[in-house]
Amino acid sequence: MANVLTTGAWLSAPTKKPSFLARLLRVRIESNERRAAHIVETYVAAHGLQNLSDDAERQIDRLFSRAGR
């Protein structure tokens, strides 16, 4: 008992594996985030922007709304 209390071994106990649907949802969200980052990177590279202006943010927002259709 002293071993568990002094070493904190109970903290490293195996955890329950997330369900298939939870893993699938996480993968889908990560994929969407990567796609969004790619869209922004492409827009910024194509327009040679150093800083994002309000107009650039509106254009990027329009790109996202079109991609979601």
N, C-alpha and C. Protein backbone atom coordinates (compact mmCIF):
# COMPACT_ATOMS: atom_id res chain seq x y z
N MET A 1 0.82 -1.19 0.00
CA MET A 1 0.00 0.00 0.00
C MET A 1 0.86 1.25 0.00
N ALA A 2 1.91 1.25 0.77
CA ALA A 2 2.79 2.42 0.84
C ALA A 2 3.42 2.69 -0.52
N ASN A 3 3.66 1.65 -1.27
CA ASN A 3 4.25 1.82 -2.59
C ASN A 3 3.35 2.64 -3.51
N VAL A 4 2.07 2.33 -3.50
CA VAL A 4 1.11 3.04 -4.34
C VAL A 4 0.99 4.49 -3.90
N LEU A 5 0.95 4.72 -2.61
CA LEU A 5 0.79 6.08 -2.11
C LEU A 5 2.03 6.93 -2.34
N THR A 6 3.21 6.35 -2.24
CA THR A 6 4.42 7.16 -2.37
C THR A 6 4.88 7.32 -3.81
N THR A 7 4.57 6.36 -4.66
CA THR A 7 5.05 6.45 -6.04
C THR A 7 4.02 7.02 -6.99
N GLY A 8 2.78 7.08 -6.57
CA GLY A 8 1.73 7.58 -7.45
C GLY A 8 1.40 6.60 -8.56
N ALA A 9 1.61 5.32 -8.33
CA ALA A 9 1.38 4.30 -9.35
C ALA A 9 -0.07 4.29 -9.81
N TRP A 10 -0.99 4.65 -8.96
CA TRP A 10 -2.41 4.65 -9.35
C TRP A 10 -2.70 5.67 -10.43
N LEU A 11 -1.84 6.69 -10.56
CA LEU A 11 -2.05 7.70 -11.60
C LEU A 11 -1.77 7.16 -12.99
N SER A 12 -0.93 6.15 -13.07
CA SER A 12 -0.57 5.62 -14.38
C SER A 12 -1.36 4.37 -14.74
N ALA A 13 -2.46 4.14 -14.06
CA ALA A 13 -3.28 2.97 -14.36
C ALA A 13 -3.86 3.11 -15.76
N PRO A 14 -4.04 1.99 -16.46
CA PRO A 14 -4.58 2.06 -17.82
C PRO A 14 -5.98 2.69 -17.82
N THR A 15 -6.21 3.50 -18.84
CA THR A 15 -7.50 4.15 -18.96
C THR A 15 -8.35 3.43 -20.00
N LYS A 16 -9.63 3.66 -19.94
CA LYS A 16 -10.55 3.04 -20.89
C LYS A 16 -10.34 3.64 -22.28
N LYS A 17 -10.30 2.80 -23.29
CA LYS A 17 -10.13 3.24 -24.67
C LYS A 17 -11.40 3.95 -25.13
N PRO A 18 -11.26 5.10 -25.82
CA PRO A 18 -12.45 5.81 -26.31
C PRO A 18 -13.22 4.93 -27.30
N SER A 19 -14.50 5.14 -27.38
CA SER A 19 -15.34 4.35 -28.28
C SER A 19 -14.98 4.64 -29.73
N PHE A 20 -15.44 3.78 -30.59
CA PHE A 20 -15.19 3.94 -32.02
C PHE A 20 -15.73 5.27 -32.52
N LEU A 21 -16.96 5.60 -32.10
CA LEU A 21 -17.57 6.85 -32.56
C LEU A 21 -16.81 8.07 -32.04
N ALA A 22 -16.30 8.01 -30.82
CA ALA A 22 -15.53 9.13 -30.27
C ALA A 22 -14.23 9.30 -31.06
N ARG A 23 -13.58 8.19 -31.39
CA ARG A 23 -12.34 8.27 -32.18
C ARG A 23 -12.63 8.77 -33.59
N LEU A 24 -13.73 8.31 -34.18
CA LEU A 24 -14.11 8.75 -35.52
C LEU A 24 -14.40 10.25 -35.53
N LEU A 25 -15.12 10.73 -34.53
CA LEU A 25 -15.42 12.15 -34.43
C LEU A 25 -14.15 12.97 -34.27
N ARG A 26 -13.22 12.51 -33.42
CA ARG A 26 -11.97 13.22 -33.22
C ARG A 26 -11.16 13.31 -34.52
N VAL A 27 -11.12 12.23 -35.27
CA VAL A 27 -10.39 12.21 -36.55
C VAL A 27 -11.03 13.17 -37.54
N ARG A 28 -12.36 13.21 -37.56
CA ARG A 28 -13.08 14.11 -38.48
C ARG A 28 -12.82 15.58 -38.12
N ILE A 29 -12.84 15.90 -36.84
CA ILE A 29 -12.57 17.27 -36.40
C ILE A 29 -11.15 17.67 -36.75
N GLU A 30 -10.19 16.79 -36.50
CA GLU A 30 -8.80 17.10 -36.84
C GLU A 30 -8.63 17.29 -38.34
N SER A 31 -9.32 16.50 -39.13
CA SER A 31 -9.26 16.64 -40.58
C SER A 31 -9.80 17.99 -41.02
N ASN A 32 -10.92 18.40 -40.45
CA ASN A 32 -11.50 19.71 -40.78
C ASN A 32 -10.55 20.84 -40.39
N GLU A 33 -9.89 20.71 -39.24
CA GLU A 33 -8.95 21.74 -38.81
C GLU A 33 -7.76 21.84 -39.77
N ARG A 34 -7.25 20.68 -40.21
CA ARG A 34 -6.13 20.69 -41.17
C ARG A 34 -6.54 21.31 -42.49
N ARG A 35 -7.77 20.99 -42.94
CA ARG A 35 -8.26 21.55 -44.20
C ARG A 35 -8.43 23.06 -44.09
N ALA A 36 -8.94 23.52 -42.96
CA ALA A 36 -9.11 24.96 -42.74
C ALA A 36 -7.77 25.66 -42.73
N ALA A 37 -6.80 25.09 -42.06
CA ALA A 37 -5.46 25.68 -42.01
C ALA A 37 -4.86 25.74 -43.41
N HIS A 38 -5.09 24.71 -44.20
CA HIS A 38 -4.57 24.68 -45.56
C HIS A 38 -5.21 25.77 -46.42
N ILE A 39 -6.51 25.97 -46.26
CA ILE A 39 -7.20 27.01 -47.03
C ILE A 39 -6.64 28.38 -46.68
N VAL A 40 -6.44 28.64 -45.40
CA VAL A 40 -5.90 29.94 -44.97
C VAL A 40 -4.48 30.12 -45.49
N GLU A 41 -3.65 29.08 -45.37
CA GLU A 41 -2.27 29.17 -45.86
C GLU A 41 -2.23 29.45 -47.36
N THR A 42 -3.09 28.79 -48.11
CA THR A 42 -3.14 28.99 -49.55
C THR A 42 -3.55 30.41 -49.89
N TYR A 43 -4.56 30.92 -49.19
CA TYR A 43 -5.04 32.28 -49.44
C TYR A 43 -3.95 33.30 -49.12
N VAL A 44 -3.31 33.14 -47.97
CA VAL A 44 -2.28 34.09 -47.56
C VAL A 44 -1.09 34.04 -48.54
N ALA A 45 -0.71 32.84 -48.97
CA ALA A 45 0.41 32.71 -49.91
C ALA A 45 0.06 33.31 -51.26
N ALA A 46 -1.16 33.11 -51.71
CA ALA A 46 -1.57 33.61 -53.02
C ALA A 46 -1.66 35.13 -53.05
N HIS A 47 -1.99 35.73 -51.92
CA HIS A 47 -2.17 37.16 -51.88
C HIS A 47 -0.98 37.90 -51.26
N GLY A 48 0.05 37.16 -50.85
CA GLY A 48 1.25 37.77 -50.32
C GLY A 48 1.01 38.66 -49.11
N LEU A 49 0.17 38.23 -48.23
CA LEU A 49 -0.18 39.05 -47.07
C LEU A 49 0.86 38.89 -45.96
N GLN A 50 1.24 40.00 -45.36
CA GLN A 50 2.11 39.96 -44.19
C GLN A 50 1.28 39.96 -42.92
N ASN A 51 0.21 40.74 -42.91
CA ASN A 51 -0.70 40.80 -41.77
C ASN A 51 -2.12 40.62 -42.28
N LEU A 52 -2.95 40.03 -41.46
CA LEU A 52 -4.34 39.85 -41.86
C LEU A 52 -5.12 41.13 -41.59
N SER A 53 -5.71 41.66 -42.61
CA SER A 53 -6.56 42.84 -42.46
C SER A 53 -8.01 42.37 -42.31
N ASP A 54 -8.88 43.29 -42.02
CA ASP A 54 -10.30 42.95 -41.91
C ASP A 54 -10.83 42.40 -43.23
N ASP A 55 -10.40 42.99 -44.33
CA ASP A 55 -10.86 42.52 -45.64
C ASP A 55 -10.37 41.10 -45.91
N ALA A 56 -9.12 40.81 -45.56
CA ALA A 56 -8.59 39.46 -45.77
C ALA A 56 -9.35 38.45 -44.92
N GLU A 57 -9.68 38.83 -43.70
CA GLU A 57 -10.45 37.93 -42.84
C GLU A 57 -11.84 37.67 -43.43
N ARG A 58 -12.46 38.70 -44.00
CA ARG A 58 -13.78 38.51 -44.63
C ARG A 58 -13.67 37.58 -45.83
N GLN A 59 -12.61 37.75 -46.62
CA GLN A 59 -12.43 36.88 -47.79
C GLN A 59 -12.22 35.42 -47.36
N ILE A 60 -11.44 35.21 -46.32
CA ILE A 60 -11.20 33.85 -45.82
C ILE A 60 -12.50 33.27 -45.29
N ASP A 61 -13.29 34.08 -44.60
CA ASP A 61 -14.58 33.62 -44.10
C ASP A 61 -15.48 33.21 -45.26
N ARG A 62 -15.45 33.96 -46.36
CA ARG A 62 -16.24 33.60 -47.54
C ARG A 62 -15.77 32.27 -48.13
N LEU A 63 -14.45 32.06 -48.13
CA LEU A 63 -13.92 30.79 -48.63
C LEU A 63 -14.46 29.62 -47.81
N PHE A 64 -14.50 29.80 -46.49
CA PHE A 64 -15.00 28.74 -45.64
C PHE A 64 -16.48 28.49 -45.86
N SER A 65 -17.25 29.54 -46.05
CA SER A 65 -18.68 29.36 -46.24
C SER A 65 -18.95 28.67 -47.58
N ARG A 66 -18.15 28.93 -48.59
CA ARG A 66 -18.32 28.24 -49.88
C ARG A 66 -17.88 26.79 -49.78
N ALA A 67 -16.81 26.52 -49.03
CA ALA A 67 -16.30 25.15 -48.89
C ALA A 67 -17.27 24.28 -48.11
N GLY A 68 -18.07 24.88 -47.25
CA GLY A 68 -18.99 24.11 -46.44
C GLY A 68 -20.24 23.64 -47.18
N ARG A 69 -20.48 24.17 -48.35
CA ARG A 69 -21.69 23.81 -49.10
C ARG A 69 -21.60 22.47 -49.74
